[in-house]
Structure formats: structure tokens, C-alpha cells
N, C-alpha and C. Protein backbone atom coordinates (compact mmCIF):
# COMPACT_ATOMS: atom_id res chain seq x y z
N MET A 1 15.00 -15.00 9.04
CA MET A 1 15.81 -15.54 7.98
C MET A 1 14.90 -15.86 6.79
N ALA A 2 15.29 -15.42 5.65
CA ALA A 2 14.50 -15.63 4.44
C ALA A 2 14.53 -17.10 4.04
N HIS A 3 13.55 -17.49 3.22
CA HIS A 3 13.43 -18.87 2.78
C HIS A 3 13.16 -18.93 1.28
N LEU A 4 13.53 -20.04 0.72
CA LEU A 4 13.22 -20.35 -0.66
C LEU A 4 12.36 -21.60 -0.63
N TRP A 5 11.14 -21.48 -1.16
CA TRP A 5 10.22 -22.63 -1.20
C TRP A 5 10.44 -23.39 -2.50
N VAL A 6 10.73 -24.68 -2.38
CA VAL A 6 11.00 -25.56 -3.52
C VAL A 6 10.00 -26.71 -3.48
N GLU A 7 9.40 -26.99 -4.64
CA GLU A 7 8.46 -28.11 -4.70
C GLU A 7 9.23 -29.41 -4.78
N ASN A 8 8.90 -30.35 -3.89
CA ASN A 8 9.60 -31.61 -3.80
C ASN A 8 8.56 -32.73 -3.75
N THR A 9 8.43 -33.48 -4.82
CA THR A 9 7.46 -34.58 -4.96
C THR A 9 6.06 -34.19 -4.48
N GLY A 10 5.56 -33.10 -5.01
CA GLY A 10 4.18 -32.70 -4.76
C GLY A 10 3.95 -31.87 -3.51
N SER A 11 4.95 -31.66 -2.68
CA SER A 11 4.78 -30.81 -1.51
C SER A 11 5.88 -29.75 -1.49
N TRP A 12 5.66 -28.71 -0.74
CA TRP A 12 6.60 -27.59 -0.69
C TRP A 12 7.54 -27.74 0.48
N GLU A 13 8.82 -27.47 0.24
CA GLU A 13 9.85 -27.54 1.27
C GLU A 13 10.52 -26.18 1.37
N ALA A 14 10.67 -25.66 2.58
CA ALA A 14 11.32 -24.37 2.80
C ALA A 14 12.80 -24.57 3.07
N LEU A 15 13.64 -23.95 2.25
CA LEU A 15 15.08 -23.99 2.44
C LEU A 15 15.53 -22.64 2.98
N LYS A 16 16.27 -22.64 4.08
CA LYS A 16 16.75 -21.40 4.67
C LYS A 16 17.79 -20.75 3.76
N LEU A 17 17.63 -19.46 3.55
CA LEU A 17 18.63 -18.68 2.83
C LEU A 17 19.48 -17.98 3.89
N ASN A 18 20.55 -18.63 4.29
CA ASN A 18 21.44 -18.02 5.26
C ASN A 18 22.80 -17.81 4.61
N GLY A 19 23.59 -16.95 5.15
CA GLY A 19 24.88 -16.67 4.54
C GLY A 19 24.75 -15.62 3.45
N ALA A 20 25.75 -15.55 2.60
CA ALA A 20 25.81 -14.48 1.60
C ALA A 20 25.05 -14.80 0.32
N GLY A 21 25.02 -16.05 -0.13
CA GLY A 21 24.38 -16.34 -1.40
C GLY A 21 24.07 -17.80 -1.60
N HIS A 22 23.15 -18.07 -2.53
CA HIS A 22 22.72 -19.42 -2.86
C HIS A 22 22.48 -19.51 -4.36
N ARG A 23 22.81 -20.65 -4.92
CA ARG A 23 22.52 -20.87 -6.34
C ARG A 23 21.08 -21.29 -6.53
N LEU A 24 20.53 -20.89 -7.64
CA LEU A 24 19.17 -21.26 -8.01
C LEU A 24 19.22 -22.60 -8.70
N PRO A 25 18.58 -23.62 -8.15
CA PRO A 25 18.67 -24.95 -8.77
C PRO A 25 18.00 -24.99 -10.14
N GLY A 26 18.61 -25.71 -11.08
CA GLY A 26 17.99 -25.98 -12.37
C GLY A 26 17.82 -24.80 -13.29
N SER A 27 18.63 -23.74 -13.15
CA SER A 27 18.36 -22.53 -13.93
C SER A 27 19.34 -22.27 -15.06
N ALA A 28 20.23 -23.16 -15.33
CA ALA A 28 21.24 -22.88 -16.36
C ALA A 28 20.66 -23.01 -17.75
N PRO A 29 20.77 -21.95 -18.56
CA PRO A 29 20.36 -22.07 -19.95
C PRO A 29 21.39 -22.89 -20.71
N PRO A 30 21.02 -23.45 -21.87
CA PRO A 30 21.97 -24.26 -22.60
C PRO A 30 23.23 -23.48 -22.95
N GLY A 31 24.39 -24.11 -22.76
CA GLY A 31 25.65 -23.53 -23.18
C GLY A 31 26.25 -22.48 -22.27
N VAL A 32 25.77 -22.31 -21.01
CA VAL A 32 26.37 -21.30 -20.14
C VAL A 32 27.28 -21.92 -19.07
N ALA A 33 27.55 -23.20 -19.15
CA ALA A 33 28.46 -23.81 -18.18
C ALA A 33 29.79 -23.08 -18.24
N GLY A 34 30.39 -22.87 -17.09
CA GLY A 34 31.66 -22.18 -17.04
C GLY A 34 31.54 -20.68 -16.79
N THR A 35 30.31 -20.14 -16.64
CA THR A 35 30.17 -18.74 -16.28
C THR A 35 30.50 -18.60 -14.80
N GLU A 36 30.46 -17.37 -14.30
CA GLU A 36 30.77 -17.16 -12.89
C GLU A 36 29.77 -17.86 -11.97
N PHE A 37 28.64 -18.28 -12.49
CA PHE A 37 27.64 -18.99 -11.70
C PHE A 37 27.78 -20.49 -11.85
N GLY A 38 28.90 -20.96 -12.35
CA GLY A 38 29.06 -22.39 -12.60
C GLY A 38 28.08 -22.80 -13.65
N ASN A 39 27.37 -23.88 -13.44
CA ASN A 39 26.38 -24.31 -14.43
C ASN A 39 24.97 -23.97 -13.99
N GLN A 40 24.81 -23.02 -13.08
CA GLN A 40 23.49 -22.73 -12.54
C GLN A 40 22.78 -21.57 -13.24
N GLY A 41 23.47 -20.53 -13.65
CA GLY A 41 22.83 -19.43 -14.35
C GLY A 41 22.22 -18.36 -13.48
N ALA A 42 21.97 -18.61 -12.21
CA ALA A 42 21.38 -17.59 -11.34
C ALA A 42 21.79 -17.85 -9.90
N ARG A 43 21.71 -16.78 -9.11
CA ARG A 43 22.12 -16.87 -7.70
C ARG A 43 21.29 -15.89 -6.88
N PHE A 44 20.96 -16.31 -5.65
CA PHE A 44 20.35 -15.42 -4.67
C PHE A 44 21.47 -14.84 -3.84
N MET A 45 21.38 -13.54 -3.55
CA MET A 45 22.43 -12.91 -2.75
C MET A 45 21.82 -11.94 -1.76
N ARG A 46 22.31 -12.01 -0.52
CA ARG A 46 21.86 -11.06 0.50
C ARG A 46 22.66 -9.78 0.34
N VAL A 47 22.00 -8.65 0.43
CA VAL A 47 22.66 -7.35 0.31
C VAL A 47 22.35 -6.52 1.55
N GLY A 48 23.19 -5.54 1.80
CA GLY A 48 23.01 -4.67 2.95
C GLY A 48 24.09 -4.95 3.97
N LYS A 49 23.93 -4.36 5.14
CA LYS A 49 24.90 -4.59 6.20
C LYS A 49 24.18 -4.73 7.53
N ASP A 50 24.94 -5.07 8.57
CA ASP A 50 24.41 -5.28 9.91
C ASP A 50 23.29 -6.33 9.93
N GLY A 51 23.49 -7.41 9.15
CA GLY A 51 22.52 -8.50 9.15
C GLY A 51 21.25 -8.22 8.38
N ALA A 52 21.26 -7.24 7.50
CA ALA A 52 20.06 -6.91 6.73
C ALA A 52 19.57 -8.13 5.96
N GLN A 53 18.29 -8.29 5.87
CA GLN A 53 17.71 -9.42 5.17
C GLN A 53 17.11 -9.02 3.83
N ALA A 54 17.77 -8.15 3.10
CA ALA A 54 17.34 -7.81 1.75
C ALA A 54 18.03 -8.79 0.81
N TRP A 55 17.29 -9.35 -0.12
CA TRP A 55 17.82 -10.35 -1.05
C TRP A 55 17.57 -9.92 -2.49
N VAL A 56 18.52 -10.26 -3.36
CA VAL A 56 18.37 -10.02 -4.78
C VAL A 56 18.60 -11.32 -5.53
N LEU A 57 18.06 -11.38 -6.74
CA LEU A 57 18.30 -12.49 -7.65
C LEU A 57 19.19 -11.96 -8.76
N ILE A 58 20.31 -12.62 -8.98
CA ILE A 58 21.22 -12.25 -10.06
C ILE A 58 21.12 -13.35 -11.11
N ALA A 59 20.75 -12.98 -12.33
CA ALA A 59 20.58 -13.95 -13.40
C ALA A 59 21.65 -13.75 -14.46
N ALA A 60 22.20 -14.84 -14.96
CA ALA A 60 23.21 -14.79 -16.01
C ALA A 60 22.57 -14.35 -17.32
N ALA A 61 23.38 -13.74 -18.17
CA ALA A 61 22.90 -13.32 -19.49
C ALA A 61 22.38 -14.53 -20.24
N GLY A 62 21.25 -14.38 -20.88
CA GLY A 62 20.67 -15.45 -21.67
C GLY A 62 19.82 -16.43 -20.90
N SER A 63 19.71 -16.26 -19.60
CA SER A 63 18.88 -17.18 -18.82
C SER A 63 17.41 -16.84 -19.01
N ASP A 64 16.57 -17.81 -18.79
CA ASP A 64 15.14 -17.61 -18.92
C ASP A 64 14.52 -17.60 -17.52
N ILE A 65 15.03 -16.74 -16.67
CA ILE A 65 14.53 -16.62 -15.31
C ILE A 65 13.44 -15.56 -15.30
N ARG A 66 12.32 -15.87 -14.66
CA ARG A 66 11.22 -14.93 -14.55
C ARG A 66 10.82 -14.78 -13.09
N VAL A 67 10.51 -13.56 -12.69
CA VAL A 67 10.00 -13.28 -11.35
C VAL A 67 8.62 -12.68 -11.52
N ASN A 68 7.63 -13.34 -10.95
CA ASN A 68 6.24 -12.92 -11.07
C ASN A 68 5.83 -12.73 -12.54
N GLY A 69 6.35 -13.62 -13.40
CA GLY A 69 6.02 -13.60 -14.81
C GLY A 69 6.83 -12.63 -15.65
N ARG A 70 7.70 -11.85 -15.03
CA ARG A 70 8.50 -10.87 -15.77
C ARG A 70 9.94 -11.34 -15.89
N THR A 71 10.52 -11.14 -17.08
CA THR A 71 11.90 -11.52 -17.33
C THR A 71 12.84 -10.62 -16.53
N VAL A 72 13.90 -11.22 -16.02
CA VAL A 72 14.92 -10.47 -15.28
C VAL A 72 15.87 -9.89 -16.33
N ASN A 73 15.44 -8.84 -17.03
CA ASN A 73 16.18 -8.27 -18.15
C ASN A 73 17.54 -7.73 -17.79
N ALA A 74 17.65 -6.97 -16.73
CA ALA A 74 18.91 -6.33 -16.38
C ALA A 74 19.84 -7.27 -15.62
N GLY A 75 19.39 -8.48 -15.35
CA GLY A 75 20.21 -9.44 -14.63
C GLY A 75 20.14 -9.33 -13.13
N LEU A 76 19.33 -8.39 -12.62
CA LEU A 76 19.23 -8.17 -11.18
C LEU A 76 17.78 -7.88 -10.81
N TRP A 77 17.30 -8.55 -9.75
CA TRP A 77 15.93 -8.34 -9.31
C TRP A 77 15.93 -8.29 -7.79
N ALA A 78 15.40 -7.20 -7.22
CA ALA A 78 15.23 -7.10 -5.77
C ALA A 78 14.00 -7.91 -5.38
N LEU A 79 14.20 -8.91 -4.56
CA LEU A 79 13.13 -9.83 -4.21
C LEU A 79 12.24 -9.27 -3.10
N ALA A 80 10.96 -9.59 -3.20
CA ALA A 80 9.97 -9.22 -2.20
C ALA A 80 9.29 -10.49 -1.70
N ASN A 81 8.66 -10.41 -0.57
CA ASN A 81 7.99 -11.55 0.01
C ASN A 81 6.97 -12.16 -0.96
N LYS A 82 6.98 -13.46 -1.08
CA LYS A 82 6.06 -14.26 -1.89
C LYS A 82 6.30 -14.11 -3.40
N ASP A 83 7.48 -13.66 -3.82
CA ASP A 83 7.79 -13.60 -5.25
C ASP A 83 7.86 -15.02 -5.82
N GLU A 84 7.19 -15.21 -6.97
CA GLU A 84 7.29 -16.48 -7.69
C GLU A 84 8.47 -16.38 -8.65
N ILE A 85 9.32 -17.39 -8.64
CA ILE A 85 10.50 -17.43 -9.51
C ILE A 85 10.39 -18.67 -10.37
N ARG A 86 10.47 -18.47 -11.67
CA ARG A 86 10.41 -19.60 -12.59
C ARG A 86 11.71 -19.70 -13.36
N ALA A 87 12.20 -20.93 -13.42
CA ALA A 87 13.40 -21.25 -14.19
C ALA A 87 13.03 -22.46 -15.03
N ARG A 88 12.71 -22.19 -16.28
CA ARG A 88 12.17 -23.21 -17.18
C ARG A 88 10.90 -23.79 -16.57
N GLU A 89 10.84 -25.09 -16.33
CA GLU A 89 9.61 -25.69 -15.78
C GLU A 89 9.57 -25.63 -14.26
N GLU A 90 10.68 -25.29 -13.63
CA GLU A 90 10.71 -25.29 -12.17
C GLU A 90 10.15 -23.99 -11.61
N ARG A 91 9.34 -24.13 -10.57
CA ARG A 91 8.72 -22.98 -9.92
C ARG A 91 9.18 -22.95 -8.47
N LEU A 92 9.64 -21.78 -8.04
CA LEU A 92 10.11 -21.56 -6.67
C LEU A 92 9.42 -20.33 -6.13
N TYR A 93 9.46 -20.16 -4.82
CA TYR A 93 8.93 -18.96 -4.19
C TYR A 93 9.94 -18.44 -3.18
N PHE A 94 10.11 -17.13 -3.16
CA PHE A 94 10.94 -16.48 -2.16
C PHE A 94 10.04 -16.02 -1.03
N SER A 95 10.46 -16.25 0.19
CA SER A 95 9.70 -15.79 1.35
C SER A 95 10.61 -15.04 2.30
N ALA A 96 10.22 -13.84 2.64
CA ALA A 96 10.97 -13.04 3.60
C ALA A 96 10.52 -13.32 5.03
N GLU A 97 9.56 -14.22 5.18
CA GLU A 97 9.05 -14.54 6.51
C GLU A 97 10.15 -15.17 7.36
N THR A 98 10.23 -14.75 8.60
CA THR A 98 11.19 -15.32 9.53
C THR A 98 10.45 -15.89 10.73
N VAL A 99 11.11 -16.71 11.49
CA VAL A 99 10.53 -17.27 12.71
C VAL A 99 11.38 -16.79 13.89
N ALA A 100 10.74 -16.70 15.03
CA ALA A 100 11.45 -16.29 16.23
C ALA A 100 12.33 -17.44 16.70
N GLU A 101 13.62 -17.14 16.88
CA GLU A 101 14.54 -18.14 17.40
C GLU A 101 15.59 -17.46 18.26
N VAL A 102 16.04 -18.19 19.27
CA VAL A 102 17.07 -17.67 20.16
C VAL A 102 18.41 -17.82 19.47
N VAL A 103 19.11 -16.69 19.33
CA VAL A 103 20.43 -16.66 18.68
C VAL A 103 21.36 -15.77 19.51
N PRO A 104 22.66 -15.93 19.36
CA PRO A 104 23.57 -14.99 20.01
C PRO A 104 23.40 -13.60 19.39
N PHE A 105 23.16 -12.60 20.22
CA PHE A 105 22.96 -11.24 19.72
C PHE A 105 24.23 -10.80 19.00
N PRO A 106 24.12 -10.39 17.73
CA PRO A 106 25.32 -10.07 16.96
C PRO A 106 26.03 -8.79 17.37
N GLY A 107 25.34 -7.89 18.04
CA GLY A 107 25.95 -6.60 18.35
C GLY A 107 26.12 -5.81 17.06
N VAL A 108 26.02 -4.51 17.13
CA VAL A 108 26.11 -3.70 15.92
C VAL A 108 27.00 -2.48 16.11
N GLY A 109 27.86 -2.51 17.13
CA GLY A 109 28.77 -1.41 17.35
C GLY A 109 28.18 -0.24 18.11
N ARG A 110 26.95 -0.35 18.52
CA ARG A 110 26.28 0.69 19.32
C ARG A 110 25.33 -0.02 20.27
N PRO A 111 24.95 0.60 21.36
CA PRO A 111 24.04 -0.07 22.30
C PRO A 111 22.68 -0.35 21.65
N VAL A 112 22.17 -1.53 21.91
CA VAL A 112 20.82 -1.91 21.48
C VAL A 112 20.07 -2.31 22.75
N PHE A 113 18.88 -1.77 22.91
CA PHE A 113 18.12 -1.98 24.13
C PHE A 113 16.95 -2.94 23.89
N CYS A 114 16.71 -3.80 24.85
CA CYS A 114 15.63 -4.79 24.79
C CYS A 114 14.29 -4.09 24.64
N GLY A 115 13.44 -4.63 23.77
CA GLY A 115 12.12 -4.06 23.53
C GLY A 115 11.20 -4.14 24.73
N ARG A 116 11.43 -5.08 25.65
CA ARG A 116 10.56 -5.21 26.80
C ARG A 116 11.13 -4.54 28.05
N CYS A 117 12.34 -4.92 28.48
CA CYS A 117 12.88 -4.40 29.75
C CYS A 117 13.69 -3.11 29.57
N ARG A 118 14.01 -2.76 28.33
CA ARG A 118 14.73 -1.54 27.98
C ARG A 118 16.18 -1.51 28.47
N LEU A 119 16.72 -2.67 28.93
CA LEU A 119 18.13 -2.75 29.31
C LEU A 119 18.95 -3.11 28.08
N PRO A 120 20.24 -2.75 28.06
CA PRO A 120 21.06 -3.08 26.89
C PRO A 120 21.23 -4.59 26.74
N ILE A 121 21.36 -5.03 25.48
CA ILE A 121 21.60 -6.44 25.18
C ILE A 121 23.08 -6.58 24.84
N ALA A 122 23.77 -7.42 25.59
CA ALA A 122 25.21 -7.62 25.38
C ALA A 122 25.45 -8.47 24.14
N ALA A 123 26.51 -8.15 23.42
CA ALA A 123 26.90 -8.95 22.24
C ALA A 123 27.10 -10.39 22.66
N GLU A 124 26.64 -11.31 21.83
CA GLU A 124 26.76 -12.76 22.01
C GLU A 124 25.83 -13.34 23.08
N SER A 125 25.02 -12.50 23.74
CA SER A 125 24.08 -13.05 24.73
C SER A 125 22.85 -13.56 24.00
N PRO A 126 22.14 -14.56 24.58
CA PRO A 126 20.95 -15.11 23.91
C PRO A 126 19.86 -14.05 23.76
N ALA A 127 19.35 -13.94 22.54
CA ALA A 127 18.34 -12.93 22.25
C ALA A 127 17.46 -13.39 21.10
N VAL A 128 16.33 -12.73 20.94
CA VAL A 128 15.40 -13.01 19.85
C VAL A 128 15.11 -11.71 19.13
N CYS A 129 15.19 -11.75 17.80
CA CYS A 129 14.79 -10.61 16.98
C CYS A 129 13.36 -10.88 16.53
N CYS A 130 12.45 -10.00 16.85
CA CYS A 130 11.04 -10.20 16.51
C CYS A 130 10.89 -10.29 14.99
N PRO A 131 10.24 -11.35 14.49
CA PRO A 131 10.06 -11.47 13.05
C PRO A 131 9.10 -10.42 12.48
N GLY A 132 8.29 -9.80 13.30
CA GLY A 132 7.35 -8.81 12.82
C GLY A 132 7.93 -7.41 12.72
N CYS A 133 8.57 -6.95 13.79
CA CYS A 133 9.04 -5.56 13.82
C CYS A 133 10.55 -5.42 13.85
N GLY A 134 11.28 -6.52 14.08
CA GLY A 134 12.73 -6.47 14.08
C GLY A 134 13.36 -5.97 15.37
N ILE A 135 12.57 -5.80 16.43
CA ILE A 135 13.09 -5.34 17.71
C ILE A 135 13.67 -6.54 18.47
N TRP A 136 14.86 -6.34 19.04
CA TRP A 136 15.54 -7.40 19.79
C TRP A 136 15.04 -7.46 21.23
N HIS A 137 15.01 -8.70 21.78
CA HIS A 137 14.61 -8.95 23.16
C HIS A 137 15.59 -9.94 23.79
N HIS A 138 15.85 -9.79 25.11
CA HIS A 138 16.64 -10.79 25.84
C HIS A 138 15.88 -12.12 25.84
N GLN A 139 16.62 -13.22 25.91
CA GLN A 139 15.98 -14.53 26.11
C GLN A 139 17.00 -15.47 26.74
N GLY A 140 17.17 -15.36 28.03
CA GLY A 140 18.10 -16.24 28.76
C GLY A 140 19.38 -15.52 29.11
N GLY A 141 20.46 -16.26 29.14
CA GLY A 141 21.76 -15.69 29.48
C GLY A 141 22.04 -15.76 30.96
N HIS A 142 23.15 -15.14 31.38
CA HIS A 142 23.55 -15.23 32.78
C HIS A 142 22.56 -14.55 33.72
N ASP A 143 21.82 -13.56 33.25
CA ASP A 143 20.79 -12.91 34.07
C ASP A 143 19.43 -13.61 33.95
N ASN A 144 19.33 -14.57 33.04
CA ASN A 144 18.11 -15.32 32.76
C ASN A 144 16.91 -14.40 32.50
N ARG A 145 17.14 -13.36 31.72
CA ARG A 145 16.04 -12.48 31.32
C ARG A 145 15.26 -13.16 30.20
N LEU A 146 14.01 -13.43 30.42
CA LEU A 146 13.16 -14.10 29.43
C LEU A 146 12.18 -13.07 28.85
N CYS A 147 12.72 -12.00 28.36
CA CYS A 147 11.89 -10.89 27.88
C CYS A 147 11.04 -11.26 26.67
N TRP A 148 11.55 -12.09 25.76
CA TRP A 148 10.79 -12.45 24.56
C TRP A 148 9.56 -13.27 24.93
N THR A 149 9.72 -14.28 25.76
CA THR A 149 8.60 -15.18 26.09
C THR A 149 7.83 -14.72 27.33
N TYR A 150 8.10 -13.53 27.82
CA TYR A 150 7.43 -13.02 29.01
C TYR A 150 5.92 -12.89 28.81
N ALA A 151 5.50 -12.50 27.64
CA ALA A 151 4.08 -12.29 27.33
C ALA A 151 3.76 -13.02 26.01
N PRO A 152 2.49 -13.21 25.71
CA PRO A 152 2.13 -13.94 24.48
C PRO A 152 2.43 -13.20 23.18
N ALA A 153 2.67 -11.88 23.27
CA ALA A 153 2.97 -11.11 22.05
C ALA A 153 4.19 -10.22 22.30
N CYS A 154 4.84 -9.85 21.21
CA CYS A 154 5.98 -8.93 21.25
C CYS A 154 5.58 -7.65 21.97
N SER A 155 6.54 -7.02 22.63
CA SER A 155 6.25 -5.78 23.35
C SER A 155 6.00 -4.60 22.42
N CYS A 156 6.36 -4.75 21.14
CA CYS A 156 6.24 -3.62 20.20
C CYS A 156 5.28 -3.85 19.04
N CYS A 157 4.86 -5.10 18.83
CA CYS A 157 3.90 -5.39 17.75
C CYS A 157 3.07 -6.60 18.18
N ASP A 158 2.25 -7.13 17.29
CA ASP A 158 1.37 -8.24 17.67
C ASP A 158 1.92 -9.62 17.32
N SER A 159 3.23 -9.72 17.02
CA SER A 159 3.83 -11.04 16.72
C SER A 159 3.79 -11.93 17.95
N GLN A 160 3.41 -13.18 17.73
CA GLN A 160 3.35 -14.15 18.82
C GLN A 160 4.76 -14.53 19.27
N THR A 161 4.94 -14.75 20.57
CA THR A 161 6.27 -15.01 21.12
C THR A 161 6.57 -16.49 21.33
N GLU A 162 5.76 -17.36 20.76
CA GLU A 162 6.02 -18.80 20.88
C GLU A 162 7.28 -19.14 20.07
N LEU A 163 8.24 -19.77 20.72
CA LEU A 163 9.46 -20.18 20.03
C LEU A 163 9.20 -21.48 19.28
N GLY A 164 9.77 -21.62 18.10
CA GLY A 164 9.62 -22.84 17.31
C GLY A 164 8.26 -23.01 16.66
N ALA A 165 7.53 -21.91 16.49
CA ALA A 165 6.18 -21.99 15.92
C ALA A 165 6.20 -22.36 14.44
N GLY A 166 7.27 -22.07 13.74
CA GLY A 166 7.36 -22.40 12.32
C GLY A 166 6.81 -21.32 11.43
N LEU A 167 6.93 -21.55 10.13
CA LEU A 167 6.47 -20.60 9.12
C LEU A 167 4.96 -20.68 8.98
N THR A 168 4.33 -19.56 8.68
CA THR A 168 2.88 -19.55 8.55
C THR A 168 2.41 -19.58 7.09
N TRP A 169 3.25 -19.14 6.14
CA TRP A 169 2.84 -19.08 4.74
C TRP A 169 3.47 -20.24 3.98
N VAL A 170 2.65 -20.93 3.19
CA VAL A 170 3.10 -22.00 2.31
C VAL A 170 2.55 -21.69 0.92
N PRO A 171 3.35 -21.79 -0.14
CA PRO A 171 2.91 -21.39 -1.48
C PRO A 171 1.59 -21.99 -1.94
N GLU A 172 1.35 -23.26 -1.70
CA GLU A 172 0.12 -23.86 -2.22
C GLU A 172 -1.12 -23.31 -1.55
N GLU A 173 -0.97 -22.74 -0.36
CA GLU A 173 -2.13 -22.18 0.33
C GLU A 173 -2.49 -20.79 -0.18
N ASP A 174 -1.46 -20.01 -0.59
CA ASP A 174 -1.72 -18.64 -1.03
C ASP A 174 -0.54 -18.21 -1.92
N THR A 175 -0.77 -18.10 -3.20
CA THR A 175 0.32 -17.68 -4.09
C THR A 175 0.15 -16.23 -4.51
N THR A 176 -0.69 -15.49 -3.79
CA THR A 176 -0.82 -14.07 -4.09
C THR A 176 0.18 -13.29 -3.27
N ARG A 177 0.49 -12.09 -3.71
CA ARG A 177 1.45 -11.26 -2.99
C ARG A 177 0.70 -10.46 -2.03
């Protein structure tokens, strides 16, 4: 799940970007109240299908929104990991980093097989999507398959399988892309 890093009294706080869209705090240029963005001037929106985690920034006409120092001229910007977003004096960061968490497997209309045991994963059964490679693994359920936490690393990449490990990147530690 993508995150938006917001500076809060000298420290950075990660806000989860879940759902279809989020408003950008503090981004309304003077006199744009009443636009489709309310009084905010910009919005983050997830695009794609089947749970895709691609995000864009949509900026209202006349806003002074910048991504990595560049003006969002066309009103649309495809966000990448660690993008710096400035809205007047406020500085935010977009992070595509996700953490491993057990969630009900959403199902995608076709069989999906576990990265470790290679058995199909039933819709709504507990599963983990690897934050590194995106491969799904069983994690519990009526068969109690603990495929994600079976080994210290993902079966398909080197991502660690510790649940609840948290985010590894924080803007103040590294603001480079």
C-alpha cells in the first residue's frame, strides 16, 4: 500500500493511501474554492485495475503544485517512489513502499498460485502479497498454511518475511530517488 509522508511538528508521519483517492492537504491556490477538488486544488488517485498500486497526482488549473521541482503543467503527474511534492510551503513525499501484511486474498477471476507451496489461493483466504515482487503466499486459513513466514525471505525474491516490520524509508534519512 502506497504512503504519503507528511511533516508533522518536525517529524515525518506516513499516511496510508488506500481506496481510490485522497486530497492533497494545503494545496488550494487563492480563489479556487468550489472546484471539483473542493478547496484543496489537488488529489492523489489510484489508477489501474485488479488492485494495481499505480498513483497519479491531479492538480487543479492555477495551482502551484510541484513534483521534484517541476510544475504539474498538464494537471496530471504519474507518481514514482520517493517523489517530493510541494504545495506552497508544504513539502510531502510519495512512497510506493509497502509492508507485508495478512489480508483476505482478493481473487482476480483466475487461479493464483502460492509462491512457496504452488497450491491455489482461495478468494478471501488469509494471504500476504510480497512487497518486493508482488507474489502472493498463503498465511493461515482453514489449512493453516504459513507459506509467507515459513522462511526468513520470500520464495521468489530477497524480501524479509517478518510481519509488522514497518516501512524502511523515511524522507529525512534519504530524499534522493
